[in-house]
Amino acid sequence: MNSIALFGFANPESLRLVTSLSVLDPSLRFINFTSETNKDKLDSGVQCALIWAAGAGLSGLSGLVNTAADAGLPVVVIMPLLSLDGITTSRAQTEVCFQPCTPEEVSLRLRLAILKNAPRETSNTITRGDLVIDCDRYEVTLKGLKVDLTYKEYELLKYLASNPGRVFTRESLLRSVWEYDYFGGTRTVDVHVRRLRSKINDVSNHFIETQWNVGYRFRAADKSPEPSRENSSKFNPTI
């Protein structure tokens, strides 16, 4: 339920619009306010202000918009075209409906205003099933339990998990994770992958897969775990 603060809704035309909006979108709840309304009341569960600007005059319109801005609310204004100057310097996020306008347009503007003002999550995490990588804290959890990784193990896991399904050669992983061209053997990648698997793989999770004769990939979410090469052959290649 989204609560909408109404300002200037007194004449029959404006009240008919509110009735039409209530029928069109039952999730909207309308509360009548005045410019003298206490800011604390506006802050209490109200998501947006809807202003009927006709007859308010430029100074009156500016005052109504600023009242909403003081409460941190986005604003939808229904107004004649010639009144546009009244909101050009407003401190509020403002959507405008020019008269004549339909209930459908006003409802859409209300939803846009609420959406723009909605809080956004800023968590910098990578979630792959039961595995969560917190890139801000350099922490990894599996099924809610912290996994202890070395710095390079963490960097390798984050790099693979950021590109699920993509196969990387050992050489490309050395360049991207270790950040240098490695001219010797690539066994260091194999060693780190083996250590990672011992820490994050279990009966229900097989995150890192081997692409034989190529390299490694992080298993895509919609892909079934590949059968183990070791279990399908009597010969176990050294990894």
Foldseek 3Di string as FASTA:
>chain_A
DAEEEEEPQDDPVSVVLVVVLCVVDVVYHYDYDYLPDDLVVCLPRHAAYEYECVPCDLVSLLSSLQSCVVSVHAYEYEEAPVNVVSPPPGPHNYHYDHPPDHSVVVNVSVVVRSVVSDDDDDFDWQDQPQWIQRPVVRWIDGVRHTFDDDPLLSQLVVVQSVPAPDFAALQVSCCPRVVDGDPDDSVVLVVSVVVNCVGHPDPVDDQKDADPPGGIHGHDNPDDDDDDPVVVDVDDDDD
